[in-house]
Amino acid sequence: MKRLTIILPILLCCAIAGRLHAQESTYKFDMGGQIGVSGYLGDASSSILSHPGVAGGLTFHYLPDVRWSLRTVANVLTISGDTKGMDDVFPGFASYDFKATVIELQERIEFNFFPYGIGETYKRLRRWTPYLAAGVGLSVSTCSGQTNAGFNIPMAFGIKYKAKPRLNLALEFSMTKVFSDHMDGPLSDLHQIQSSFARNTDWYSDISFSITYEFGERCATCHYVD
């Protein structure tokens, strides 16, 4: 998992830098909203969806062509956890539970498996496509009156569908690795293994549905005027 977290964003960045003569999309940008279910994996959770929360926010894409996009995500999520019923316990069988609100800001690169769009059949456009995404960002958590922040790496897989020429629907699952062990409050290092990448810093997930609308039409023919 550690290698995947580091390698996936690098591969996506290299691929976008080396793309060859991809067709442009009809519009330059899209913007919309998303809503979904959030999950948490850390010291107070045995599985990613054992304590589901809610998530929602705004999304903005820059669309250089029909395969690639640069996406900005601003989300608010709720996460929670409870050590009751877990195999790992505190001394004296004490328990810990928490509820937190997380604000995240991310910049992602998205890759569409198929050329995405409607019309222009010579480009072999498809009105639906699976996609992969990865990027970097910042997460800020408020829990029990304390505020903690950490850099994050989001990784996502989804399917998008163009309902109309400018209207897009998408269903996405994302996992976000936060380089902080305090998204869940003061609880830290329950497992006493400093090298534990998966458990001693926090993860959260988001299963979301989004709607976006495209704008900023490109000119069909560009003329040079002296």
Protein backbone atom coordinates (compact mmCIF):
# COMPACT_ATOMS: atom_id res chain seq x y z
CA MET A 1 0.00 0.00 0.00
CA LYS A 2 2.85 2.39 0.79
CA ARG A 3 4.45 1.84 -2.61
CA LEU A 4 1.08 2.30 -4.37
CA THR A 5 0.46 5.58 -2.52
CA ILE A 6 3.79 6.97 -3.73
CA ILE A 7 3.95 5.47 -7.23
CA LEU A 8 0.40 6.14 -8.50
CA PRO A 9 0.60 9.96 -8.41
CA ILE A 10 4.05 9.85 -10.06
CA LEU A 11 2.81 7.63 -12.90
CA LEU A 12 -0.17 9.88 -13.55
CA CYS A 13 2.00 13.00 -13.62
CA CYS A 14 4.48 11.38 -16.02
CA ALA A 15 1.71 10.21 -18.29
CA ILE A 16 0.07 13.61 -18.58
CA ALA A 17 3.41 15.23 -19.28
CA GLY A 18 4.08 12.76 -22.10
CA ARG A 19 0.69 12.66 -23.83
CA LEU A 20 0.79 12.94 -27.64
CA HIS A 21 -1.59 15.18 -29.63
CA ALA A 22 -4.79 14.39 -27.72
CA GLN A 23 -8.01 15.93 -29.01
CA GLU A 24 -9.30 18.98 -27.21
CA SER A 25 -12.60 18.90 -25.40
CA THR A 26 -15.40 21.25 -26.51
CA TYR A 27 -15.34 23.23 -23.26
CA LYS A 28 -12.42 24.34 -21.11
CA PHE A 29 -13.94 23.93 -17.64
CA ASP A 30 -16.67 22.32 -15.60
CA MET A 31 -17.93 22.94 -12.08
CA GLY A 32 -20.44 21.35 -9.75
CA GLY A 33 -21.13 19.64 -6.47
CA GLN A 34 -20.83 16.20 -4.89
CA ILE A 35 -22.41 14.36 -1.98
CA GLY A 36 -21.74 10.96 -0.49
CA VAL A 37 -20.77 8.67 2.38
CA SER A 38 -17.45 8.96 4.21
CA GLY A 39 -15.46 6.36 6.15
CA TYR A 40 -12.46 6.28 8.50
CA LEU A 41 -9.57 3.89 9.03
CA GLY A 42 -7.24 4.52 11.94
CA ASP A 43 -6.56 3.65 15.56
CA ALA A 44 -10.28 3.58 16.46
CA SER A 45 -11.68 1.62 13.53
CA SER A 46 -11.53 -1.99 12.41
CA SER A 47 -12.75 -1.34 8.85
CA ILE A 48 -13.19 1.63 6.54
CA LEU A 49 -17.01 1.71 6.73
CA SER A 50 -17.60 0.48 10.27
CA HIS A 51 -18.68 4.04 11.25
CA PRO A 52 -20.01 5.78 8.11
CA GLY A 53 -20.40 9.55 7.94
CA VAL A 54 -21.49 12.11 5.36
CA ALA A 55 -19.46 14.08 2.83
CA GLY A 56 -20.18 16.93 0.45
CA GLY A 57 -18.43 19.69 -1.40
CA LEU A 58 -17.51 21.46 -4.63
CA THR A 59 -15.51 20.26 -7.62
CA PHE A 60 -13.88 22.15 -10.49
CA HIS A 61 -12.19 20.70 -13.61
CA TYR A 62 -9.84 22.20 -16.14
CA LEU A 63 -10.33 20.13 -19.34
CA PRO A 64 -7.29 20.27 -21.66
CA ASP A 65 -8.56 17.32 -23.75
CA VAL A 66 -10.93 14.35 -23.77
CA ARG A 67 -8.59 12.04 -21.83
CA TRP A 68 -7.13 14.20 -19.09
CA SER A 69 -8.33 16.79 -16.61
CA LEU A 70 -6.97 18.76 -13.69
CA ARG A 71 -9.43 18.77 -10.80
CA THR A 72 -9.75 20.91 -7.67
CA VAL A 73 -11.80 19.39 -4.83
CA ALA A 74 -13.07 21.17 -1.70
CA ASN A 75 -14.92 18.83 0.68
CA VAL A 76 -16.35 18.67 4.18
CA LEU A 77 -16.61 15.20 5.76
CA THR A 78 -17.64 13.73 9.09
CA ILE A 79 -15.69 10.77 10.46
CA SER A 80 -16.06 8.78 13.67
CA GLY A 81 -14.69 5.71 15.41
CA ASP A 82 -14.93 3.57 18.53
CA THR A 83 -12.46 1.07 19.99
CA LYS A 84 -15.23 -1.05 21.56
CA GLY A 85 -15.23 -4.53 20.08
CA MET A 86 -11.75 -4.18 18.59
CA ASP A 87 -9.00 -6.72 19.25
CA ASP A 88 -6.62 -3.91 20.27
CA VAL A 89 -7.52 -2.35 23.63
CA PHE A 90 -6.14 0.20 26.04
CA PRO A 91 -4.75 -0.84 29.45
CA GLY A 92 -7.58 -1.79 31.78
CA PHE A 93 -9.84 -2.40 28.79
CA ALA A 94 -10.60 1.32 28.51
CA SER A 95 -12.26 2.46 25.30
CA TYR A 96 -12.10 5.55 23.10
CA ASP A 97 -14.65 7.01 20.71
CA PHE A 98 -14.68 10.24 18.71
CA LYS A 99 -16.52 12.30 16.12
CA ALA A 100 -14.66 14.73 13.89
CA THR A 101 -15.29 17.13 11.02
CA VAL A 102 -12.68 17.18 8.27
CA ILE A 103 -12.20 19.94 5.70
CA GLU A 104 -10.06 18.98 2.73
CA LEU A 105 -8.64 20.80 -0.27
CA GLN A 106 -7.08 18.70 -3.03
CA GLU A 107 -5.57 19.06 -6.49
CA ARG A 108 -5.91 15.90 -8.61
CA ILE A 109 -5.00 14.63 -12.06
CA GLU A 110 -7.71 12.50 -13.70
CA PHE A 111 -7.24 10.05 -16.58
CA ASN A 112 -10.22 8.81 -18.62
CA PHE A 113 -9.92 5.27 -19.99
CA PHE A 114 -11.91 6.28 -23.10
CA PRO A 115 -12.10 9.56 -25.07
CA TYR A 116 -14.95 11.26 -23.22
CA GLY A 117 -17.64 13.32 -24.92
CA ILE A 118 -20.69 13.45 -27.19
CA GLY A 119 -20.68 13.81 -30.98
CA GLU A 120 -17.66 14.09 -33.30
CA THR A 121 -17.69 10.37 -34.10
CA TYR A 122 -14.37 10.60 -35.94
CA LYS A 123 -12.76 11.12 -32.52
CA ARG A 124 -14.45 7.92 -31.25
CA LEU A 125 -15.85 9.78 -28.27
CA ARG A 126 -17.82 7.87 -25.65
CA ARG A 127 -20.42 9.39 -23.37
CA TRP A 128 -19.24 7.22 -20.45
CA THR A 129 -15.82 6.19 -19.19
CA PRO A 130 -14.07 4.76 -16.12
CA TYR A 131 -11.33 6.99 -14.75
CA LEU A 132 -8.44 7.05 -12.27
CA ALA A 133 -7.29 10.02 -10.20
CA ALA A 134 -4.50 10.91 -7.79
CA GLY A 135 -3.07 14.08 -6.34
CA VAL A 136 -2.03 16.02 -3.25
CA GLY A 137 -3.87 18.14 -0.72
CA LEU A 138 -4.39 19.32 2.84
CA SER A 139 -6.80 17.98 5.50
CA VAL A 140 -7.87 19.91 8.60
CA SER A 141 -9.74 18.03 11.35
CA THR A 142 -11.72 19.42 14.28
CA CYS A 143 -12.27 16.90 17.09
CA SER A 144 -13.01 17.39 20.81
CA GLY A 145 -12.22 21.09 20.57
CA GLN A 146 -8.82 20.48 18.95
CA THR A 147 -7.78 21.29 15.40
CA ASN A 148 -5.15 19.25 13.57
CA ALA A 149 -3.87 19.42 10.00
CA GLY A 150 -1.88 17.15 7.69
CA PHE A 151 -0.91 16.83 4.05
CA ASN A 152 -2.77 14.14 2.15
CA ILE A 153 -2.59 11.98 -0.98
CA PRO A 154 -5.99 11.13 -2.52
CA MET A 155 -6.43 8.12 -4.83
CA ALA A 156 -9.71 7.55 -6.63
CA PHE A 157 -11.53 5.37 -9.13
CA GLY A 158 -14.85 6.27 -10.73
CA ILE A 159 -17.23 6.19 -13.67
CA LYS A 160 -18.51 9.32 -15.37
CA TYR A 161 -21.44 9.70 -17.77
CA LYS A 162 -22.31 12.62 -20.03
CA ALA A 163 -26.08 12.96 -19.67
CA LYS A 164 -26.15 15.97 -22.02
CA PRO A 165 -23.44 17.76 -24.04
CA ARG A 166 -22.56 19.97 -21.03
CA LEU A 167 -23.93 17.93 -18.11
CA ASN A 168 -21.81 15.23 -16.42
CA LEU A 169 -22.69 12.66 -13.77
CA ALA A 170 -20.07 10.66 -11.86
CA LEU A 171 -19.88 7.97 -9.18
CA GLU A 172 -16.53 7.75 -7.39
CA PHE A 173 -14.73 5.88 -4.61
CA SER A 174 -11.70 7.63 -3.13
CA MET A 175 -9.19 6.77 -0.42
CA THR A 176 -7.19 9.58 1.16
CA LYS A 177 -3.96 9.01 3.07
CA VAL A 178 -3.31 11.74 5.67
CA PHE A 179 0.22 12.26 6.97
CA SER A 180 -1.02 12.92 10.49
CA ASP A 181 -2.14 10.62 13.30
CA HIS A 182 -4.55 13.17 14.80
CA MET A 183 -7.52 13.31 12.45
CA ASP A 184 -9.22 11.28 15.20
CA GLY A 185 -8.21 13.65 18.00
CA PRO A 186 -5.58 12.99 20.69
CA LEU A 187 -5.58 9.21 20.11
CA SER A 188 -2.16 8.23 18.76
CA ASP A 189 -0.05 5.13 18.22
CA LEU A 190 -2.45 2.62 19.78
CA HIS A 191 -0.53 -0.19 18.12
CA GLN A 192 2.89 0.96 19.37
CA ILE A 193 4.46 0.29 15.98
CA GLN A 194 6.10 3.44 14.69
CA SER A 195 6.61 1.98 11.21
CA SER A 196 2.96 1.07 10.67
CA PHE A 197 2.01 3.00 7.54
CA ALA A 198 -1.54 1.67 7.38
CA ARG A 199 -2.67 2.23 10.97
CA ASN A 200 -0.53 4.81 12.77
CA THR A 201 -1.47 7.60 10.43
CA ASP A 202 -5.06 8.08 9.39
CA TRP A 203 -7.03 7.26 6.24
CA TYR A 204 -10.53 8.22 5.23
CA SER A 205 -12.72 7.29 2.28
CA ASP A 206 -15.49 8.90 0.27
CA ILE A 207 -18.13 7.25 -1.93
CA SER A 208 -19.68 10.19 -3.77
CA PHE A 209 -22.07 11.14 -6.55
CA SER A 210 -21.35 14.36 -8.43
CA ILE A 211 -23.01 16.60 -11.01
CA THR A 212 -21.00 19.11 -13.03
CA TYR A 213 -21.77 21.59 -15.81
CA GLU A 214 -19.29 22.58 -18.52
CA PHE A 215 -18.55 26.16 -19.58
CA GLY A 216 -15.90 28.20 -21.39
CA GLU A 217 -16.53 27.05 -24.96
CA ARG A 218 -13.50 26.75 -27.22
CA CYS A 219 -13.62 28.48 -30.59
CA ALA A 220 -14.20 26.03 -33.43
CA THR A 221 -11.79 27.86 -35.74
CA CYS A 222 -9.11 30.23 -34.54
CA HIS A 223 -8.13 33.09 -36.86
CA TYR A 224 -4.97 35.15 -36.56
CA VAL A 225 -5.57 38.88 -36.70
CA ASP A 226 -2.59 41.21 -37.08
